[in-house]
N, C-alpha and C. Protein backbone atom coordinates (compact mmCIF):
# COMPACT_ATOMS: atom_id res chain seq x y z
N MET A 1 -10.05 -2.02 5.64
CA MET A 1 -9.40 -1.43 4.50
C MET A 1 -9.11 -2.51 3.48
N LYS A 2 -9.29 -2.19 2.22
CA LYS A 2 -9.17 -3.19 1.18
C LYS A 2 -7.74 -3.40 0.69
N ILE A 3 -6.83 -2.52 1.07
CA ILE A 3 -5.42 -2.67 0.70
C ILE A 3 -4.66 -3.08 1.95
N ILE A 4 -3.82 -4.12 1.81
CA ILE A 4 -3.09 -4.64 2.96
C ILE A 4 -1.59 -4.57 2.70
N LYS A 5 -0.81 -4.85 3.72
CA LYS A 5 0.64 -4.81 3.63
C LYS A 5 1.13 -5.81 2.59
N GLY A 6 2.08 -5.38 1.74
CA GLY A 6 2.63 -6.26 0.72
C GLY A 6 1.98 -6.10 -0.64
N ASP A 7 0.86 -5.38 -0.74
CA ASP A 7 0.20 -5.15 -2.02
C ASP A 7 1.00 -4.17 -2.86
N LYS A 8 0.90 -4.32 -4.17
CA LYS A 8 1.50 -3.37 -5.09
C LYS A 8 0.42 -2.38 -5.49
N VAL A 9 0.73 -1.08 -5.35
CA VAL A 9 -0.27 -0.04 -5.62
C VAL A 9 0.29 1.00 -6.59
N LYS A 10 -0.63 1.74 -7.22
CA LYS A 10 -0.27 2.84 -8.08
C LYS A 10 -0.81 4.11 -7.45
N ILE A 11 0.01 5.16 -7.39
CA ILE A 11 -0.39 6.41 -6.77
C ILE A 11 -1.13 7.25 -7.80
N LEU A 12 -2.32 7.74 -7.41
CA LEU A 12 -3.19 8.45 -8.34
C LEU A 12 -3.05 9.96 -8.27
N LEU A 13 -2.67 10.51 -7.12
CA LEU A 13 -2.58 11.96 -6.94
C LEU A 13 -1.28 12.33 -6.26
N GLY A 14 -0.89 13.59 -6.40
CA GLY A 14 0.27 14.10 -5.69
C GLY A 14 1.53 14.13 -6.52
N LYS A 15 2.65 14.38 -5.86
CA LYS A 15 3.92 14.53 -6.58
C LYS A 15 4.45 13.23 -7.15
N ASP A 16 4.01 12.08 -6.65
CA ASP A 16 4.43 10.77 -7.15
C ASP A 16 3.38 10.12 -8.04
N LYS A 17 2.55 10.93 -8.69
CA LYS A 17 1.46 10.42 -9.53
C LYS A 17 1.98 9.47 -10.61
N ASN A 18 1.24 8.37 -10.83
CA ASN A 18 1.53 7.34 -11.83
C ASN A 18 2.76 6.49 -11.51
N ARG A 19 3.25 6.52 -10.28
CA ARG A 19 4.36 5.66 -9.88
C ARG A 19 3.83 4.48 -9.09
N ASP A 20 4.53 3.33 -9.21
CA ASP A 20 4.13 2.10 -8.53
C ASP A 20 5.04 1.86 -7.33
N GLY A 21 4.49 1.19 -6.32
CA GLY A 21 5.28 0.84 -5.16
C GLY A 21 4.58 -0.20 -4.31
N GLU A 22 5.30 -0.71 -3.32
CA GLU A 22 4.78 -1.74 -2.43
C GLU A 22 4.40 -1.11 -1.09
N VAL A 23 3.29 -1.57 -0.55
CA VAL A 23 2.80 -1.06 0.74
C VAL A 23 3.65 -1.64 1.86
N ILE A 24 4.19 -0.75 2.71
CA ILE A 24 5.02 -1.18 3.84
C ILE A 24 4.17 -1.30 5.11
N THR A 25 3.36 -0.27 5.37
CA THR A 25 2.58 -0.21 6.60
C THR A 25 1.19 0.31 6.28
N VAL A 26 0.18 -0.19 7.00
CA VAL A 26 -1.19 0.27 6.85
C VAL A 26 -1.70 0.72 8.20
N PHE A 27 -2.28 1.93 8.24
CA PHE A 27 -2.91 2.46 9.45
C PHE A 27 -4.42 2.49 9.20
N THR A 28 -5.13 1.45 9.65
CA THR A 28 -6.54 1.31 9.30
C THR A 28 -7.42 2.36 9.96
N LYS A 29 -7.13 2.75 11.19
CA LYS A 29 -7.97 3.74 11.86
C LYS A 29 -7.88 5.11 11.21
N LYS A 30 -6.70 5.47 10.73
CA LYS A 30 -6.52 6.76 10.07
C LYS A 30 -6.85 6.69 8.58
N GLY A 31 -6.90 5.49 8.00
CA GLY A 31 -7.19 5.34 6.57
C GLY A 31 -6.00 5.73 5.71
N THR A 32 -4.78 5.51 6.24
CA THR A 32 -3.58 5.87 5.50
C THR A 32 -2.67 4.66 5.36
N LEU A 33 -1.69 4.78 4.47
CA LEU A 33 -0.71 3.72 4.27
C LEU A 33 0.60 4.32 3.81
N VAL A 34 1.69 3.58 4.05
CA VAL A 34 3.02 4.02 3.65
C VAL A 34 3.48 3.14 2.50
N VAL A 35 3.91 3.80 1.40
CA VAL A 35 4.38 3.09 0.22
C VAL A 35 5.90 3.25 0.15
N LYS A 36 6.59 2.15 -0.12
CA LYS A 36 8.06 2.15 -0.12
C LYS A 36 8.61 3.08 -1.20
N GLY A 37 9.42 4.05 -0.78
CA GLY A 37 10.09 4.96 -1.71
C GLY A 37 9.22 6.07 -2.26
N MET A 38 7.99 6.23 -1.77
CA MET A 38 7.09 7.26 -2.27
C MET A 38 6.77 8.26 -1.17
N ASN A 39 6.36 9.46 -1.56
CA ASN A 39 5.98 10.54 -0.66
C ASN A 39 7.11 10.84 0.33
N LEU A 40 8.32 11.00 -0.22
CA LEU A 40 9.50 11.23 0.60
C LEU A 40 9.58 12.69 1.04
N PHE A 41 9.95 12.89 2.29
CA PHE A 41 10.19 14.21 2.84
C PHE A 41 11.55 14.21 3.51
N LYS A 42 12.19 15.38 3.53
CA LYS A 42 13.50 15.49 4.15
C LYS A 42 13.35 15.96 5.59
N ARG A 43 14.11 15.32 6.46
CA ARG A 43 14.10 15.66 7.88
C ARG A 43 15.52 16.03 8.27
N HIS A 44 15.68 17.19 8.85
CA HIS A 44 17.00 17.65 9.28
C HIS A 44 17.24 17.20 10.72
N ARG A 45 18.33 16.46 10.93
CA ARG A 45 18.69 15.99 12.25
C ARG A 45 19.78 16.90 12.82
N LYS A 46 19.58 17.32 14.03
CA LYS A 46 20.56 18.18 14.69
C LYS A 46 21.76 17.36 15.13
N GLY A 47 22.93 17.92 15.02
CA GLY A 47 24.14 17.22 15.41
C GLY A 47 24.30 17.18 16.93
N THR A 48 25.02 16.17 17.39
CA THR A 48 25.36 16.05 18.81
C THR A 48 26.88 16.07 18.94
N GLN A 49 27.37 15.83 20.13
CA GLN A 49 28.82 15.80 20.32
C GLN A 49 29.45 14.62 19.58
N ASN A 50 28.70 13.53 19.47
CA ASN A 50 29.23 12.32 18.86
C ASN A 50 28.97 12.23 17.36
N GLN A 51 27.86 12.83 16.87
CA GLN A 51 27.48 12.71 15.47
C GLN A 51 27.26 14.08 14.86
N PRO A 52 27.62 14.24 13.58
CA PRO A 52 27.32 15.51 12.90
C PRO A 52 25.85 15.55 12.48
N GLY A 53 25.34 16.73 12.17
CA GLY A 53 23.98 16.86 11.69
C GLY A 53 23.83 16.28 10.30
N THR A 54 22.68 15.69 10.01
CA THR A 54 22.43 15.06 8.70
C THR A 54 21.04 15.41 8.21
N ILE A 55 20.82 15.12 6.93
CA ILE A 55 19.50 15.25 6.34
C ILE A 55 19.04 13.84 5.98
N VAL A 56 17.90 13.42 6.52
CA VAL A 56 17.39 12.07 6.33
C VAL A 56 16.11 12.14 5.50
N GLU A 57 15.99 11.28 4.49
CA GLU A 57 14.75 11.19 3.71
C GLU A 57 13.86 10.13 4.36
N LYS A 58 12.58 10.46 4.49
CA LYS A 58 11.65 9.61 5.22
C LYS A 58 10.34 9.53 4.45
N GLU A 59 9.72 8.34 4.45
CA GLU A 59 8.41 8.17 3.81
C GLU A 59 7.32 8.62 4.76
N ARG A 60 6.34 9.30 4.21
CA ARG A 60 5.19 9.72 5.01
C ARG A 60 3.95 9.00 4.49
N PRO A 61 2.93 8.85 5.35
CA PRO A 61 1.71 8.14 4.93
C PRO A 61 0.93 8.89 3.86
N LEU A 62 0.24 8.12 3.01
CA LEU A 62 -0.68 8.63 2.00
C LEU A 62 -2.09 8.20 2.37
N LEU A 63 -3.07 8.97 1.96
CA LEU A 63 -4.45 8.53 2.14
C LEU A 63 -4.73 7.33 1.24
N ALA A 64 -5.51 6.39 1.73
CA ALA A 64 -5.80 5.18 0.96
C ALA A 64 -6.61 5.50 -0.29
N SER A 65 -7.35 6.62 -0.29
CA SER A 65 -8.12 7.00 -1.45
C SER A 65 -7.26 7.53 -2.59
N LYS A 66 -5.98 7.83 -2.32
CA LYS A 66 -5.07 8.35 -3.34
C LYS A 66 -4.29 7.25 -4.05
N VAL A 67 -4.53 5.99 -3.69
CA VAL A 67 -3.82 4.88 -4.33
C VAL A 67 -4.83 3.86 -4.86
N ALA A 68 -4.40 3.10 -5.86
CA ALA A 68 -5.23 2.03 -6.43
C ALA A 68 -4.42 0.74 -6.46
N LEU A 69 -5.06 -0.35 -6.16
CA LEU A 69 -4.41 -1.66 -6.14
C LEU A 69 -4.10 -2.12 -7.56
N ILE A 70 -2.92 -2.73 -7.74
CA ILE A 70 -2.56 -3.35 -9.02
C ILE A 70 -2.75 -4.85 -8.86
N CYS A 71 -3.59 -5.43 -9.71
CA CYS A 71 -3.88 -6.87 -9.64
C CYS A 71 -2.63 -7.66 -10.00
N PRO A 72 -2.24 -8.67 -9.20
CA PRO A 72 -1.05 -9.45 -9.51
C PRO A 72 -1.19 -10.34 -10.75
N SER A 73 -2.42 -10.66 -11.16
CA SER A 73 -2.57 -11.55 -12.32
C SER A 73 -2.76 -10.80 -13.63
N CYS A 74 -3.59 -9.74 -13.64
CA CYS A 74 -3.82 -9.02 -14.91
C CYS A 74 -2.99 -7.74 -15.02
N HIS A 75 -2.31 -7.32 -13.95
CA HIS A 75 -1.41 -6.15 -13.92
C HIS A 75 -2.11 -4.85 -14.31
N LYS A 76 -3.39 -4.72 -13.96
CA LYS A 76 -4.13 -3.49 -14.18
C LYS A 76 -4.56 -2.94 -12.83
N ILE A 77 -4.80 -1.60 -12.78
CA ILE A 77 -5.34 -1.07 -11.53
C ILE A 77 -6.79 -1.47 -11.44
N THR A 78 -7.22 -1.81 -10.24
CA THR A 78 -8.55 -2.38 -10.08
C THR A 78 -9.12 -2.05 -8.71
N ARG A 79 -10.41 -2.20 -8.60
CA ARG A 79 -11.06 -2.15 -7.30
C ARG A 79 -11.06 -3.55 -6.71
N VAL A 80 -11.26 -3.63 -5.42
CA VAL A 80 -11.22 -4.91 -4.74
C VAL A 80 -12.63 -5.35 -4.38
N GLY A 81 -12.93 -6.62 -4.67
CA GLY A 81 -14.19 -7.21 -4.26
C GLY A 81 -13.93 -8.34 -3.28
N TYR A 82 -14.97 -8.81 -2.65
CA TYR A 82 -14.82 -9.90 -1.68
C TYR A 82 -15.69 -11.08 -2.10
N GLN A 83 -15.22 -12.28 -1.75
CA GLN A 83 -15.96 -13.50 -2.04
C GLN A 83 -15.81 -14.42 -0.83
N ILE A 84 -16.91 -15.07 -0.44
CA ILE A 84 -16.90 -15.98 0.70
C ILE A 84 -17.15 -17.38 0.19
N ASP A 85 -16.28 -18.34 0.55
CA ASP A 85 -16.47 -19.72 0.09
C ASP A 85 -17.33 -20.50 1.08
N LYS A 86 -17.51 -21.79 0.83
CA LYS A 86 -18.41 -22.61 1.64
C LYS A 86 -17.91 -22.83 3.07
N GLN A 87 -16.59 -22.76 3.29
CA GLN A 87 -16.05 -22.93 4.64
C GLN A 87 -16.16 -21.63 5.46
N GLY A 88 -16.54 -20.54 4.83
CA GLY A 88 -16.67 -19.27 5.52
C GLY A 88 -15.45 -18.38 5.42
N ASP A 89 -14.47 -18.78 4.63
CA ASP A 89 -13.27 -17.95 4.45
C ASP A 89 -13.57 -16.83 3.45
N LYS A 90 -13.05 -15.64 3.75
CA LYS A 90 -13.29 -14.47 2.93
C LYS A 90 -12.05 -14.19 2.10
N TYR A 91 -12.22 -13.99 0.79
CA TYR A 91 -11.12 -13.75 -0.13
C TYR A 91 -11.32 -12.45 -0.88
N ARG A 92 -10.21 -11.79 -1.21
CA ARG A 92 -10.26 -10.60 -2.04
C ARG A 92 -10.14 -11.03 -3.49
N ILE A 93 -10.94 -10.42 -4.36
CA ILE A 93 -10.89 -10.74 -5.78
C ILE A 93 -10.74 -9.46 -6.60
N CYS A 94 -10.18 -9.60 -7.79
CA CYS A 94 -10.03 -8.49 -8.72
C CYS A 94 -11.35 -8.28 -9.43
N ARG A 95 -11.81 -7.03 -9.52
CA ARG A 95 -13.08 -6.74 -10.18
C ARG A 95 -12.99 -6.80 -11.71
N LYS A 96 -11.78 -6.75 -12.27
CA LYS A 96 -11.63 -6.77 -13.73
C LYS A 96 -11.50 -8.19 -14.26
N CYS A 97 -10.65 -9.02 -13.61
CA CYS A 97 -10.42 -10.37 -14.14
C CYS A 97 -11.03 -11.46 -13.27
N ASN A 98 -11.62 -11.11 -12.12
CA ASN A 98 -12.26 -12.04 -11.18
C ASN A 98 -11.32 -13.11 -10.64
N ASN A 99 -10.01 -12.85 -10.67
CA ASN A 99 -9.06 -13.79 -10.08
C ASN A 99 -8.85 -13.47 -8.61
N LEU A 100 -8.44 -14.47 -7.87
CA LEU A 100 -8.20 -14.33 -6.44
C LEU A 100 -6.94 -13.50 -6.22
N ILE A 101 -7.04 -12.49 -5.33
CA ILE A 101 -5.86 -11.68 -4.99
C ILE A 101 -5.19 -12.32 -3.77
N THR A 102 -5.83 -12.26 -2.61
CA THR A 102 -5.31 -12.91 -1.40
C THR A 102 -6.47 -13.17 -0.46
N SER A 103 -6.17 -13.94 0.56
CA SER A 103 -7.13 -14.11 1.63
C SER A 103 -7.11 -12.87 2.49
N SER A 104 -8.26 -12.34 2.86
CA SER A 104 -8.28 -11.11 3.66
C SER A 104 -8.11 -11.39 5.15
N ARG A 105 -8.23 -12.63 5.59
CA ARG A 105 -8.05 -12.95 7.01
C ARG A 105 -6.59 -12.97 7.41
N ASN A 106 -5.79 -13.73 6.65
CA ASN A 106 -4.39 -13.88 7.06
C ASN A 106 -3.44 -13.06 6.20
N GLY A 107 -3.90 -12.43 5.14
CA GLY A 107 -3.06 -11.59 4.32
C GLY A 107 -2.12 -12.35 3.40
N GLY A 108 -2.15 -13.68 3.41
CA GLY A 108 -1.27 -14.46 2.57
C GLY A 108 -1.90 -14.77 1.22
N THR A 109 -1.08 -15.10 0.24
CA THR A 109 -1.60 -15.44 -1.08
C THR A 109 -2.03 -16.89 -1.10
N LYS A 110 -3.04 -17.17 -1.89
CA LYS A 110 -3.52 -18.55 -2.02
C LYS A 110 -3.60 -18.91 -3.47
């Protein structure tokens, strides 16, 4: 998956359309991701003897195809490309400004 944890993304479809957020969790096998504060649903918790019942807001996963990466250098939504250097390290690059986004192996910025 081309979007990793910690990336800033823009939501393209759904009730949170055109809102920005940070990726909290990525589920690569399902092709989904969780964005902080987006796609919120309410969950009703039943009360017990010790605690009263409450309503909890919870983030649910979005399909990766419904979000677009925001480039940290040019601040535009972009597709992700890959580049391999002479040492064999693979890096993600922005398709619009050709700047380095992050290393895709360790997920850290370089």
